[in-house]
C-alpha atoms as a PDB file:
ATOM      1  CA  UNK A   1       0.000   0.000   0.000  1.00  0.00           C
ATOM      2  CA  UNK A   2       1.420   3.370  -1.033  1.00  0.00           C
ATOM      3  CA  UNK A   3       1.049   6.239   1.455  1.00  0.00           C
ATOM      4  CA  UNK A   4      -0.995   9.143   0.219  1.00  0.00           C
ATOM      5  CA  UNK A   5       0.783  12.232  -1.082  1.00  0.00           C
ATOM      6  CA  UNK A   6       0.514  14.931   1.585  1.00  0.00           C
ATOM      7  CA  UNK A   7      -0.165  18.492   0.437  1.00  0.00           C
ATOM      8  CA  UNK A   8       0.932  20.261   3.636  1.00  0.00           C
ATOM      9  CA  UNK A   9       4.083  20.484   5.718  1.00  0.00           C
ATOM     10  CA  UNK A  10       5.677  22.151   8.708  1.00  0.00           C
ATOM     11  CA  UNK A  11       8.753  24.292   8.099  1.00  0.00           C
ATOM     12  CA  UNK A  12      10.976  26.225  10.492  1.00  0.00           C
ATOM     13  CA  UNK A  13      13.530  28.706   9.195  1.00  0.00           C
ATOM     14  CA  UNK A  14      16.104  29.592  11.858  1.00  0.00           C
ATOM     15  CA  UNK A  15      18.661  32.400  12.007  1.00  0.00           C
ATOM     16  CA  UNK A  16      22.082  30.696  11.943  1.00  0.00           C
ATOM     17  CA  UNK A  17      23.694  33.682  13.733  1.00  0.00           C
ATOM     18  CA  UNK A  18      21.844  32.896  16.968  1.00  0.00           C
ATOM     19  CA  UNK A  19      23.416  30.459  19.496  1.00  0.00           C
ATOM     20  CA  UNK A  20      21.949  26.952  19.159  1.00  0.00           C
ATOM     21  CA  UNK A  21      20.546  26.825  22.709  1.00  0.00           C
ATOM     22  CA  UNK A  22      18.593  30.022  22.120  1.00  0.00           C
ATOM     23  CA  UNK A  23      17.374  28.683  18.762  1.00  0.00           C
ATOM     24  CA  UNK A  24      16.105  25.445  20.317  1.00  0.00           C
ATOM     25  CA  UNK A  25      14.173  27.479  22.889  1.00  0.00           C
ATOM     26  CA  UNK A  26      12.719  29.637  20.115  1.00  0.00           C
ATOM     27  CA  UNK A  27      11.837  26.573  18.013  1.00  0.00           C
ATOM     28  CA  UNK A  28       9.998  25.001  20.945  1.00  0.00           C
ATOM     29  CA  UNK A  29       7.985  28.164  21.538  1.00  0.00           C
ATOM     30  CA  UNK A  30       7.203  28.579  17.835  1.00  0.00           C
ATOM     31  CA  UNK A  31       6.150  24.944  17.301  1.00  0.00           C
ATOM     32  CA  UNK A  32       3.883  25.013  20.368  1.00  0.00           C
ATOM     33  CA  UNK A  33       2.440  28.361  19.282  1.00  0.00           C
ATOM     34  CA  UNK A  34       1.887  27.178  15.725  1.00  0.00           C
ATOM     35  CA  UNK A  35      -0.221  24.229  16.857  1.00  0.00           C
ATOM     36  CA  UNK A  36      -1.927  26.201  19.618  1.00  0.00           C
ATOM     37  CA  UNK A  37      -3.077  28.935  17.236  1.00  0.00           C
ATOM     38  CA  UNK A  38      -4.008  26.809  14.212  1.00  0.00           C
ATOM     39  CA  UNK A  39      -7.763  26.900  13.578  1.00  0.00           C
ATOM     40  CA  UNK A  40      -8.041  23.319  12.236  1.00  0.00           C
ATOM     41  CA  UNK A  41      -5.730  21.057  14.265  1.00  0.00           C
ATOM     42  CA  UNK A  42      -7.086  17.799  12.714  1.00  0.00           C
ATOM     43  CA  UNK A  43      -5.681  19.040   9.376  1.00  0.00           C
ATOM     44  CA  UNK A  44      -2.196  18.808  10.955  1.00  0.00           C
ATOM     45  CA  UNK A  45      -2.803  15.040  11.216  1.00  0.00           C
ATOM     46  CA  UNK A  46      -1.448  14.221  14.659  1.00  0.00           C
ATOM     47  CA  UNK A  47      -1.638  10.532  15.405  1.00  0.00           C
ATOM     48  CA  UNK A  48      -0.258   7.939  17.775  1.00  0.00           C
ATOM     49  CA  UNK A  49       2.531   5.652  16.657  1.00  0.00           C
ATOM     50  CA  UNK A  50       2.691   2.266  18.382  1.00  0.00           C
ATOM     51  CA  UNK A  51       5.819   0.171  18.778  1.00  0.00           C
ATOM     52  CA  UNK A  52       5.890  -3.634  18.764  1.00  0.00           C
ATOM     53  CA  UNK A  53       5.428  -3.700  22.546  1.00  0.00           C
ATOM     54  CA  UNK A  54       2.235  -1.658  22.300  1.00  0.00           C
ATOM     55  CA  UNK A  55       3.738   1.546  23.707  1.00  0.00           C
ATOM     56  CA  UNK A  56       1.895   4.635  22.511  1.00  0.00           C
ATOM     57  CA  UNK A  57       4.077   7.425  21.073  1.00  0.00           C
ATOM     58  CA  UNK A  58       1.481  10.182  21.062  1.00  0.00           C
ATOM     59  CA  UNK A  59       0.731  13.089  18.811  1.00  0.00           C
ATOM     60  CA  UNK A  60       3.242  12.768  15.962  1.00  0.00           C
ATOM     61  CA  UNK A  61       2.217  14.462  12.728  1.00  0.00           C
ATOM     62  CA  UNK A  62       2.101  12.571   9.448  1.00  0.00           C
ATOM     63  CA  UNK A  63       3.354  15.757   7.763  1.00  0.00           C
ATOM     64  CA  UNK A  64       7.084  16.419   7.353  1.00  0.00           C
ATOM     65  CA  UNK A  65       8.752  19.046   9.543  1.00  0.00           C
ATOM     66  CA  UNK A  66      11.632  20.652   7.639  1.00  0.00           C
ATOM     67  CA  UNK A  67      14.291  22.806   9.359  1.00  0.00           C
ATOM     68  CA  UNK A  68      15.997  25.416   7.174  1.00  0.00           C
ATOM     69  CA  UNK A  69      18.613  28.080   7.918  1.00  0.00           C
ATOM     70  CA  UNK A  70      18.584  31.787   7.185  1.00  0.00           C
ATOM     71  CA  UNK A  71      21.745  33.897   7.005  1.00  0.00           C
ATOM     72  CA  UNK A  72      20.309  36.748   9.071  1.00  0.00           C
ATOM     73  CA  UNK A  73      17.300  38.423  10.631  1.00  0.00           C
ATOM     74  CA  UNK A  74      16.535  40.511   7.559  1.00  0.00           C
ATOM     75  CA  UNK A  75      15.999  37.378   5.447  1.00  0.00           C
ATOM     76  CA  UNK A  76      13.505  36.189   8.053  1.00  0.00           C
ATOM     77  CA  UNK A  77      11.777  39.591   8.074  1.00  0.00           C
ATOM     78  CA  UNK A  78      11.294  39.441   4.305  1.00  0.00           C
ATOM     79  CA  UNK A  79      10.139  35.799   4.474  1.00  0.00           C
ATOM     80  CA  UNK A  80       7.648  36.684   7.205  1.00  0.00           C
ATOM     81  CA  UNK A  81       6.164  39.408   5.022  1.00  0.00           C
ATOM     82  CA  UNK A  82       5.867  37.061   2.021  1.00  0.00           C
ATOM     83  CA  UNK A  83       4.286  34.293   4.108  1.00  0.00           C
ATOM     84  CA  UNK A  84       1.808  36.720   5.644  1.00  0.00           C
ATOM     85  CA  UNK A  85       0.857  38.080   2.224  1.00  0.00           C
ATOM     86  CA  UNK A  86       0.373  34.487   0.985  1.00  0.00           C
ATOM     87  CA  UNK A  87      -1.899  33.602   3.912  1.00  0.00           C
ATOM     88  CA  UNK A  88       0.408  30.940   5.378  1.00  0.00           C
ATOM     89  CA  UNK A  89      -0.125  30.228   9.082  1.00  0.00           C
ATOM     90  CA  UNK A  90       3.070  31.375  10.888  1.00  0.00           C
ATOM     91  CA  UNK A  91       4.543  31.993  14.308  1.00  0.00           C
ATOM     92  CA  UNK A  92       7.807  33.909  14.698  1.00  0.00           C
ATOM     93  CA  UNK A  93      10.208  34.504  17.570  1.00  0.00           C
ATOM     94  CA  UNK A  94      12.400  37.563  18.186  1.00  0.00           C
ATOM     95  CA  UNK A  95      15.117  38.656  20.581  1.00  0.00           C
ATOM     96  CA  UNK A  96      12.572  40.748  22.508  1.00  0.00           C
ATOM     97  CA  UNK A  97      10.965  37.484  23.611  1.00  0.00           C
ATOM     98  CA  UNK A  98      13.977  36.477  25.704  1.00  0.00           C
ATOM     99  CA  UNK A  99      15.315  37.563  29.114  1.00  0.00           C
ATOM    100  CA  UNK A 100      13.077  38.479  32.006  1.00  0.00           C
ATOM    101  CA  UNK A 101       9.482  37.571  32.711  1.00  0.00           C
ATOM    102  CA  UNK A 102       6.890  37.052  30.005  1.00  0.00           C
ATOM    103  CA  UNK A 103       5.389  40.425  31.006  1.00  0.00           C
ATOM    104  CA  UNK A 104       8.747  42.145  30.448  1.00  0.00           C
ATOM    105  CA  UNK A 105       9.165  40.347  27.131  1.00  0.00           C
ATOM    106  CA  UNK A 106       5.712  41.417  25.938  1.00  0.00           C
ATOM    107  CA  UNK A 107       6.416  45.012  26.943  1.00  0.00           C
ATOM    108  CA  UNK A 108       9.816  45.001  25.232  1.00  0.00           C
ATOM    109  CA  UNK A 109       8.258  43.621  22.044  1.00  0.00           C
ATOM    110  CA  UNK A 110       5.445  46.190  22.175  1.00  0.00           C
ATOM    111  CA  UNK A 111       7.989  49.019  22.449  1.00  0.00           C
ATOM    112  CA  UNK A 112      10.224  47.830  19.580  1.00  0.00           C
ATOM    113  CA  UNK A 113       9.473  48.871  15.987  1.00  0.00           C
ATOM    114  CA  UNK A 114       9.194  45.860  13.659  1.00  0.00           C
ATOM    115  CA  UNK A 115      12.181  46.971  11.578  1.00  0.00           C
ATOM    116  CA  UNK A 116      14.337  46.792  14.740  1.00  0.00           C
ATOM    117  CA  UNK A 117      13.266  43.275  15.763  1.00  0.00           C
ATOM    118  CA  UNK A 118      15.950  40.606  15.515  1.00  0.00           C
ATOM    119  CA  UNK A 119      14.233  37.463  14.254  1.00  0.00           C
ATOM    120  CA  UNK A 120      15.406  34.127  15.648  1.00  0.00           C
ATOM    121  CA  UNK A 121      13.081  32.140  13.431  1.00  0.00           C
ATOM    122  CA  UNK A 122       9.750  31.548  11.766  1.00  0.00           C
ATOM    123  CA  UNK A 123       7.682  28.387  11.968  1.00  0.00           C
ATOM    124  CA  UNK A 124       4.910  27.671   9.469  1.00  0.00           C
ATOM    125  CA  UNK A 125       2.322  25.128   8.411  1.00  0.00           C
ATOM    126  CA  UNK A 126       0.635  25.139   5.055  1.00  0.00           C
ATOM    127  CA  UNK A 127       0.383  23.906   1.511  1.00  0.00           C
ATOM    128  CA  UNK A 128       3.586  22.736  -0.151  1.00  0.00           C
ATOM    129  CA  UNK A 129       2.793  24.615  -3.375  1.00  0.00           C
ATOM    130  CA  UNK A 130       2.678  27.924  -1.468  1.00  0.00           C
ATOM    131  CA  UNK A 131       5.512  27.337   1.022  1.00  0.00           C
ATOM    132  CA  UNK A 132       8.056  25.775  -1.359  1.00  0.00           C
ATOM    133  CA  UNK A 133       8.555  28.806  -3.638  1.00  0.00           C
ATOM    134  CA  UNK A 134       8.866  31.122  -0.614  1.00  0.00           C
ATOM    135  CA  UNK A 135      11.474  28.972   1.175  1.00  0.00           C
ATOM    136  CA  UNK A 136      13.475  27.599  -1.773  1.00  0.00           C
ATOM    137  CA  UNK A 137      16.424  29.962  -1.238  1.00  0.00           C
ATOM    138  CA  UNK A 138      17.034  28.645   2.302  1.00  0.00           C
ATOM    139  CA  UNK A 139      19.315  25.656   2.916  1.00  0.00           C
ATOM    140  CA  UNK A 140      18.615  22.650   5.094  1.00  0.00           C
ATOM    141  CA  UNK A 141      19.872  23.165   8.641  1.00  0.00           C
ATOM    142  CA  UNK A 142      23.260  21.510   9.209  1.00  0.00           C
END
């Protein structure tokens, strides 16, 4: 039996200038936020995987999750704009969302003009035919 061709995917594009520990924190926040804010979670196709012993490995998506790298924050800023204009569901993470309490982070973000935000990454879920052309210039994370 051939698996069906999936038309959607998850993609994260991460700023390679940011230390890896900070990026992993940002990726966790973005992935959780992406699922938490998506209006049709069943479309993301989360399912349980069972091993031979019957252990349940819960809530793994059938869709691929691709990790790409961006050279800098400005590339992510431009990608964010293109994704937004294309109607792709996104969550981003910036440097204002680190250090201090969540209240301090929200206030810092609120008081920073968008053009001054340093993007750590963008996480998205959507149709391959929309996402692929917008992310084709980014390389796989290494």
